Amino acid sequence: MYAKCIILMLILSISSRSHTQLLLEDSCSINICSFNLYLLGGVANKYKEVSNQYKDAQYIRTESSYQTPDRIVNCASLLAQGDFSIIVLQEVLDGVRGDSAVADLTASLNRMSLKGYKWFTSERIGKGMRMESMAFIYDSLRIELQKIEGENSALIACAESRNRKYVQTQWKSGDFDFTVISCHFAWNDSDYFRRQADYKELNNILHNPMEYSIDPDVIVLGDFNRFGGNFNAKQKEYGIQQIAYDSKLFRSPHIACFDSTLIQLPEVTDNPKIEYPQFHSTTVSNNTMVYDTFWITSDVFEEFELEKCQWNVDYGVMIYDEPNGNFYIEGLEKLTQKELKYKYSDHRPIWMRFSTCSGELDQ
């Protein structure tokens, strides 16, 4: 009887996740995720109380502040389905509030998966809506974090001092040594020079990766606010128009699948050949913008062969808020964008899968 109950529970579990596509790693691959998680550490009241206690040891927290906020559990449940070896988070509040939220998220992920997740946050990168850092959650059973001059990460700055810095990290899994640079580019409708400064720096990273890393295998990921805001495209005021695209030097699969030039089509709907444009959008907004993406340099082409890779298998967007989406969560389509933002985020996680068994160690 007990065995029958277990089988019934498994059937119900599979049925309830019928719209969900699990991104299972194997012994020769890793999945890497990038997620702009709206004001992580700045939404739940718990982290304000944690900060108050940090500042004043006599501060008495409420009983509820010792529980994991629903939003953290929601996001952990979503991300756990991705079987990710690295999860990179943008828009993390700098300091104890963000750190506490990342710690809760990591603990929840470890309860929901068989991973050995560890985490760290970067130094302060600058101000968006609040002072921000970036977080890295990684499966210590599958991947090795390699120090940069004794530190977990290093910062990279563009020529515009008001813009947020980028965070550089180094990793090894199998025979794949690589650098990950996480970015959260400026959104500024009044000063397109700030937007251009970030993209000029990105262009240099992609054309000259060895200036930024000891390894030519470079993955740049994050929120690039591609074609965000209102600028003059004919005068090339958009930051993305500063990219000198050369497919032999670098690629961005999430963009290339609808815009082979990377710099011409603002929205996925601008390509009539895409059957479901909303399933490529990286935000929960009523548009089909691709703000979040990965950029990979040519030395990574061996670990990600675009011509052999499949959308929604080897790379894609976690569509959790749209019926028939690959990670659809029932009922979320009924929420407003603001409600979604506070229950999950205003962005969607994106991912790529990379081979770790090419047969040769990177030089």
Protein backbone atom coordinates (compact mmCIF):
# COMPACT_ATOMS: atom_id res chain seq x y z
CA MET A 1 0.00 0.00 0.00
CA TYR A 2 2.84 2.36 0.91
CA ALA A 3 4.53 1.73 -2.44
CA LYS A 4 1.31 2.52 -4.28
CA CYS A 5 1.03 5.84 -2.44
CA ILE A 6 4.58 6.74 -3.40
CA ILE A 7 3.88 5.93 -7.06
CA LEU A 8 0.67 8.01 -6.95
CA MET A 9 2.58 10.96 -5.45
CA LEU A 10 5.19 10.74 -8.22
CA ILE A 11 2.49 10.67 -10.89
CA LEU A 12 0.78 13.71 -9.38
CA SER A 13 4.11 15.50 -9.14
CA ILE A 14 4.90 14.86 -12.81
CA SER A 15 1.37 15.85 -13.83
CA SER A 16 1.53 19.15 -11.94
CA ARG A 17 4.73 20.00 -13.82
CA SER A 18 3.52 18.95 -17.25
CA HIS A 19 4.40 22.33 -18.75
CA THR A 20 7.86 22.31 -17.17
CA GLN A 21 10.97 21.34 -19.09
CA LEU A 22 13.73 20.26 -16.73
CA LEU A 23 17.21 21.27 -17.85
CA LEU A 24 19.15 18.26 -16.63
CA GLU A 25 22.92 18.42 -16.71
CA ASP A 26 25.00 15.36 -17.51
CA SER A 27 28.56 14.41 -16.65
CA CYS A 28 29.86 16.38 -19.64
CA SER A 29 27.90 19.63 -19.38
CA ILE A 30 27.03 22.48 -17.06
CA ASN A 31 24.11 24.90 -17.16
CA ILE A 32 24.78 28.56 -16.38
CA CYS A 33 21.94 30.94 -15.47
CA SER A 34 21.73 34.73 -15.40
CA PHE A 35 18.83 36.37 -13.55
CA ASN A 36 18.11 40.03 -12.81
CA LEU A 37 16.24 39.46 -9.55
CA TYR A 38 14.46 42.73 -8.81
CA LEU A 39 15.94 44.45 -5.72
CA LEU A 40 16.99 41.24 -4.02
CA GLY A 41 17.14 42.05 -0.32
CA GLY A 42 15.03 45.18 -0.75
CA VAL A 43 11.51 43.75 -0.98
CA ALA A 44 10.86 41.44 2.00
CA ASN A 45 10.66 43.21 5.38
CA LYS A 46 12.81 40.45 6.88
CA TYR A 47 15.99 41.90 5.41
CA LYS A 48 15.27 45.36 6.77
CA GLU A 49 15.00 43.80 10.22
CA VAL A 50 18.22 41.84 9.65
CA SER A 51 19.93 45.11 8.76
CA ASN A 52 18.51 46.84 11.84
CA GLN A 53 19.85 44.05 14.04
CA TYR A 54 23.23 44.24 12.31
CA LYS A 55 23.42 47.94 13.13
CA ASP A 56 22.03 47.57 16.67
CA ALA A 57 22.66 44.36 18.59
CA GLN A 58 19.84 45.30 20.98
CA TYR A 59 17.25 45.41 18.18
CA ILE A 60 14.57 42.74 18.66
CA ARG A 61 13.36 41.18 15.43
CA THR A 62 9.80 39.98 14.92
CA GLU A 63 9.19 36.22 14.92
CA SER A 64 8.19 36.27 11.25
CA SER A 65 11.58 37.72 10.26
CA TYR A 66 13.21 34.39 11.09
CA GLN A 67 11.25 32.66 8.32
CA THR A 68 12.21 32.48 4.67
CA PRO A 69 10.11 34.98 2.66
CA ASP A 70 7.67 33.54 0.12
CA ARG A 71 9.41 35.37 -2.71
CA ILE A 72 12.71 33.64 -1.93
CA VAL A 73 11.00 30.24 -1.88
CA ASN A 74 9.23 31.08 -5.16
CA CYS A 75 12.48 31.97 -6.92
CA ALA A 76 14.34 28.99 -5.46
CA SER A 77 11.59 26.65 -6.67
CA LEU A 78 11.86 28.11 -10.17
CA LEU A 79 15.66 28.08 -10.33
CA ALA A 80 15.91 24.55 -8.89
CA GLN A 81 14.25 23.25 -12.04
CA GLY A 82 17.16 24.50 -14.13
CA ASP A 83 19.78 22.15 -12.68
CA PHE A 84 22.26 25.03 -12.80
CA SER A 85 25.93 24.82 -11.87
CA ILE A 86 26.25 28.62 -11.71
CA ILE A 87 23.49 31.15 -11.05
CA VAL A 88 24.51 34.78 -11.47
CA LEU A 89 22.20 37.40 -9.96
CA GLN A 90 22.06 41.06 -10.86
CA GLU A 91 20.35 43.83 -8.84
CA VAL A 92 21.32 42.52 -5.43
CA LEU A 93 21.26 45.13 -2.66
CA ASP A 94 24.79 45.79 -1.51
CA GLY A 95 25.50 44.89 2.10
CA VAL A 96 23.88 42.75 4.77
CA ARG A 97 20.37 42.90 3.28
CA GLY A 98 21.44 41.49 -0.07
CA ASP A 99 23.82 38.99 1.53
CA SER A 100 21.10 37.68 3.83
CA ALA A 101 18.67 37.26 0.90
CA VAL A 102 21.27 35.39 -1.16
CA ALA A 103 22.03 33.13 1.81
CA ASP A 104 18.31 32.32 2.17
CA LEU A 105 17.98 31.67 -1.56
CA THR A 106 20.99 29.34 -1.52
CA ALA A 107 19.69 27.44 1.52
CA SER A 108 16.31 27.01 -0.17
CA LEU A 109 17.97 25.78 -3.37
CA ASN A 110 19.97 23.22 -1.43
CA ARG A 111 16.81 21.94 0.24
CA MET A 112 15.12 21.54 -3.15
CA SER A 113 17.98 19.99 -5.10
CA LEU A 114 20.87 17.58 -4.79
CA LYS A 115 23.38 20.35 -5.40
CA GLY A 116 26.13 21.51 -3.09
CA TYR A 117 25.44 25.20 -3.60
CA LYS A 118 27.70 27.85 -2.11
CA TRP A 119 27.45 31.60 -2.63
CA PHE A 120 29.28 34.89 -2.48
CA THR A 121 28.56 38.49 -3.38
CA SER A 122 30.85 40.96 -5.10
CA GLU A 123 32.08 44.28 -3.86
CA ARG A 124 29.76 47.23 -4.40
CA ILE A 125 29.37 47.90 -8.13
CA GLY A 126 27.52 51.23 -8.00
CA LYS A 127 24.03 52.63 -7.87
CA GLY A 128 20.94 51.65 -9.82
CA MET A 129 17.75 52.16 -7.86
CA ARG A 130 19.86 51.34 -4.78
CA MET A 131 23.51 50.54 -4.20
CA GLU A 132 24.08 47.15 -5.80
CA SER A 133 26.38 44.18 -5.79
CA MET A 134 26.14 40.93 -7.74
CA ALA A 135 25.73 37.41 -6.40
CA PHE A 136 27.14 34.08 -7.55
CA ILE A 137 25.58 30.80 -6.46
CA TYR A 138 27.51 27.75 -7.61
CA ASP A 139 27.44 23.98 -7.24
CA SER A 140 30.69 23.22 -5.46
CA LEU A 141 30.25 19.52 -6.37
CA ARG A 142 30.44 20.27 -10.09
CA ILE A 143 32.46 23.42 -10.50
CA GLU A 144 35.54 25.03 -9.00
CA LEU A 145 35.77 28.74 -8.25
CA GLN A 146 39.25 30.03 -9.02
CA LYS A 147 40.52 33.03 -7.10
CA ILE A 148 41.56 36.30 -8.71
CA GLU A 149 44.50 37.70 -6.73
CA GLY A 150 43.17 35.94 -3.65
CA GLU A 151 39.58 37.20 -4.05
CA ASN A 152 36.40 35.55 -5.31
CA SER A 153 35.85 38.29 -7.88
CA ALA A 154 37.25 41.48 -9.37
CA LEU A 155 35.62 44.64 -10.72
CA ILE A 156 35.87 46.10 -14.22
CA ALA A 157 34.95 49.73 -14.92
CA CYS A 158 34.00 51.45 -18.14
CA ALA A 159 35.03 55.02 -19.02
CA GLU A 160 31.85 56.48 -17.46
CA SER A 161 32.37 56.61 -13.70
CA ARG A 162 28.62 56.94 -12.98
CA ASN A 163 27.88 53.53 -14.49
CA ARG A 164 27.86 50.30 -12.52
CA LYS A 165 31.02 48.23 -12.61
CA TYR A 166 31.12 44.70 -14.02
CA VAL A 167 32.08 41.66 -11.96
CA GLN A 168 34.73 39.22 -13.20
CA THR A 169 34.98 35.64 -11.92
CA GLN A 170 37.01 32.58 -12.97
CA TRP A 171 35.86 28.95 -13.01
CA LYS A 172 36.82 25.42 -13.96
CA SER A 173 34.65 22.38 -14.66
CA GLY A 174 36.07 19.29 -16.32
CA ASP A 175 38.44 20.52 -19.02
CA PHE A 176 36.63 23.86 -19.37
CA ASP A 177 38.46 26.83 -17.81
CA PHE A 178 36.55 30.06 -18.32
CA THR A 179 35.86 33.59 -17.16
CA VAL A 180 32.38 34.92 -16.41
CA ILE A 181 31.81 38.68 -16.45
CA SER A 182 28.44 39.84 -15.13
CA CYS A 183 26.98 43.20 -16.18
CA HIS A 184 24.02 45.42 -15.39
CA PHE A 185 24.17 48.20 -17.96
CA ALA A 186 22.90 51.72 -17.37
CA TRP A 187 19.32 52.70 -18.13
CA ASN A 188 19.30 56.42 -18.74
CA ASP A 189 16.82 58.07 -21.10
CA SER A 190 18.41 61.50 -20.81
CA ASP A 191 22.06 60.70 -21.47
CA TYR A 192 22.80 58.24 -24.25
CA PHE A 193 26.54 58.69 -23.73
CA ARG A 194 26.22 56.65 -20.54
CA ARG A 195 24.58 53.82 -22.47
CA GLN A 196 27.23 54.00 -25.17
CA ALA A 197 30.07 53.88 -22.64
CA ASP A 198 28.98 50.46 -21.38
CA TYR A 199 28.68 49.02 -24.86
CA LYS A 200 32.02 50.42 -25.95
CA GLU A 201 33.61 48.59 -23.03
CA LEU A 202 31.71 45.41 -23.90
CA ASN A 203 32.85 45.70 -27.51
CA ASN A 204 36.45 45.87 -26.34
CA ILE A 205 36.01 42.84 -24.05
CA LEU A 206 34.62 40.80 -26.93
CA HIS A 207 37.29 41.86 -29.40
CA ASN A 208 40.17 41.71 -26.92
CA PRO A 209 39.25 39.16 -24.19
CA MET A 210 42.85 38.64 -23.08
CA GLU A 211 42.97 42.24 -21.87
CA TYR A 212 40.38 41.26 -19.24
CA SER A 213 41.14 37.63 -18.46
CA ILE A 214 44.03 35.21 -18.17
CA ASP A 215 41.90 32.82 -20.25
CA PRO A 216 40.45 33.58 -23.72
CA ASP A 217 37.27 31.62 -22.89
CA VAL A 218 35.09 34.53 -21.79
CA ILE A 219 31.34 34.53 -21.11
CA VAL A 220 29.73 37.93 -20.58
CA LEU A 221 26.20 37.79 -19.23
CA GLY A 222 23.58 39.91 -17.49
CA ASP A 223 21.11 42.70 -18.15
CA PHE A 224 22.30 44.87 -21.04
CA ASN A 225 19.10 46.90 -21.52
CA ARG A 226 19.40 46.32 -25.27
CA PHE A 227 17.39 48.97 -27.16
CA GLY A 228 15.84 50.14 -23.90
CA GLY A 229 14.66 53.74 -23.63
CA ASN A 230 13.90 56.31 -26.31
CA PHE A 231 16.86 57.32 -28.45
CA ASN A 232 17.53 58.07 -32.10
CA ALA A 233 18.46 54.84 -33.87
CA LYS A 234 19.37 56.64 -37.12
CA GLN A 235 22.00 58.62 -35.25
CA LYS A 236 23.18 55.42 -33.53
CA GLU A 237 22.42 56.72 -30.06
CA TYR A 238 21.53 53.25 -28.73
CA GLY A 239 24.36 51.60 -26.88
CA ILE A 240 24.01 48.29 -28.74
CA GLN A 241 24.91 50.13 -31.95
CA GLN A 242 28.46 50.52 -30.60
CA ILE A 243 29.03 46.79 -31.09
CA ALA A 244 31.18 45.90 -34.12
CA TYR A 245 29.79 42.43 -34.65
CA ASP A 246 32.08 39.72 -35.99
CA SER A 247 30.63 36.19 -35.74
CA LYS A 248 34.15 34.74 -35.92
CA LEU A 249 35.11 36.56 -32.72
CA PHE A 250 31.97 36.38 -30.57
CA ARG A 251 28.28 35.49 -30.57
CA SER A 252 25.12 36.14 -28.61
CA PRO A 253 22.70 33.24 -29.26
CA HIS A 254 19.71 34.73 -27.42
CA ILE A 255 19.80 37.71 -29.81
CA ALA A 256 21.03 35.94 -32.94
CA CYS A 257 18.02 33.60 -32.97
CA PHE A 258 15.84 36.55 -34.04
CA ASP A 259 18.38 39.17 -35.22
CA SER A 260 21.40 37.75 -37.04
CA THR A 261 23.10 41.17 -36.99
CA LEU A 262 22.64 41.55 -33.19
CA ILE A 263 22.18 45.33 -33.56
CA GLN A 264 19.22 46.01 -35.88
CA LEU A 265 15.92 44.57 -34.60
CA PRO A 266 14.75 46.16 -31.33
CA GLU A 267 12.12 43.50 -30.55
CA VAL A 268 11.58 39.82 -31.32
CA THR A 269 8.27 40.72 -33.00
CA ASP A 270 10.29 42.61 -35.63
CA ASN A 271 11.21 39.20 -37.03
CA PRO A 272 8.04 37.71 -38.57
CA LYS A 273 9.61 34.23 -38.69
CA ILE A 274 9.49 33.84 -34.89
CA GLU A 275 6.28 31.98 -34.08
CA TYR A 276 6.02 32.85 -30.38
CA PRO A 277 7.92 36.13 -29.81
CA GLN A 278 6.89 36.45 -26.16
CA PHE A 279 8.70 33.20 -25.38
CA HIS A 280 12.00 34.92 -26.27
CA SER A 281 11.39 38.05 -24.18
CA THR A 282 13.54 38.33 -21.06
CA THR A 283 11.09 40.40 -19.02
CA VAL A 284 7.49 39.95 -17.86
CA SER A 285 6.50 43.25 -19.50
CA ASN A 286 4.07 43.47 -22.43
CA ASN A 287 6.84 43.67 -25.00
CA THR A 288 9.28 41.31 -26.67
CA MET A 289 12.55 42.98 -25.71
CA VAL A 290 15.67 40.93 -25.10
CA TYR A 291 17.45 42.92 -22.42
CA ASP A 292 19.27 39.95 -20.88
CA THR A 293 21.68 37.80 -22.85
CA PHE A 294 24.98 35.92 -22.98
CA TRP A 295 27.96 36.90 -25.11
CA ILE A 296 30.60 34.23 -25.77
CA THR A 297 34.05 34.71 -27.27
CA SER A 298 35.38 32.45 -30.01
CA ASP A 299 37.30 30.18 -27.64
CA VAL A 300 33.96 29.18 -26.10
CA PHE A 301 32.58 28.03 -29.46
CA GLU A 302 34.05 24.59 -28.77
CA GLU A 303 31.95 24.29 -25.61
CA PHE A 304 28.84 25.77 -27.23
CA GLU A 305 28.47 24.89 -30.92
CA LEU A 306 25.59 27.15 -31.91
CA GLU A 307 24.79 25.29 -35.13
CA LYS A 308 24.24 22.08 -33.16
CA CYS A 309 22.44 23.65 -30.20
CA GLN A 310 18.68 23.77 -29.70
CA TRP A 311 16.54 26.59 -28.36
CA ASN A 312 14.84 25.60 -25.09
CA VAL A 313 17.37 22.81 -24.58
CA ASP A 314 20.89 24.21 -24.81
CA TYR A 315 19.88 27.84 -24.30
CA GLY A 316 16.73 29.80 -23.71
CA VAL A 317 14.55 31.83 -21.36
CA MET A 318 12.64 30.48 -18.37
CA ILE A 319 9.07 31.52 -19.23
CA TYR A 320 7.32 31.07 -15.89
CA ASP A 321 4.51 33.62 -16.27
CA GLU A 322 2.92 32.68 -19.62
CA PRO A 323 0.56 29.73 -20.26
CA ASN A 324 2.39 27.07 -22.31
CA GLY A 325 5.71 28.60 -21.31
CA ASN A 326 8.50 26.09 -20.72
CA PHE A 327 8.47 26.77 -16.95
CA TYR A 328 4.89 28.01 -16.60
CA ILE A 329 3.59 28.36 -13.04
CA GLU A 330 -0.18 28.16 -12.95
CA GLY A 331 -2.02 31.39 -12.22
CA LEU A 332 0.86 33.83 -12.69
CA GLU A 333 -0.62 35.16 -15.94
CA LYS A 334 -3.46 36.62 -13.84
CA LEU A 335 -1.08 38.84 -11.88
CA THR A 336 -0.18 42.39 -12.80
CA GLN A 337 3.41 43.17 -13.77
CA LYS A 338 3.90 44.85 -10.39
CA GLU A 339 2.58 41.81 -8.54
CA LEU A 340 4.86 39.53 -10.55
CA LYS A 341 7.82 41.76 -9.78
CA TYR A 342 7.28 41.40 -6.03
CA LYS A 343 6.51 37.67 -6.12
CA TYR A 344 9.35 36.79 -8.50
CA SER A 345 10.97 39.54 -10.60
CA ASP A 346 10.35 41.82 -13.56
CA HIS A 347 12.89 39.75 -15.49
CA ARG A 348 13.05 36.10 -16.49
CA PRO A 349 16.08 33.86 -15.93
CA ILE A 350 18.07 32.92 -19.02
CA TRP A 351 20.47 30.01 -19.44
CA MET A 352 23.09 28.35 -21.61
CA ARG A 353 24.55 24.84 -21.50
CA PHE A 354 28.27 24.32 -22.04
CA SER A 355 30.30 21.18 -22.69
CA THR A 356 32.96 20.31 -20.13
CA CYS A 357 34.36 17.25 -21.95
CA SER A 358 35.88 18.56 -25.16
CA GLY A 359 38.82 16.25 -24.67
CA GLU A 360 41.50 18.91 -24.30
CA LEU A 361 42.38 21.23 -21.48
CA ASP A 362 42.11 24.91 -22.37
CA GLN A 363 45.44 26.57 -22.89
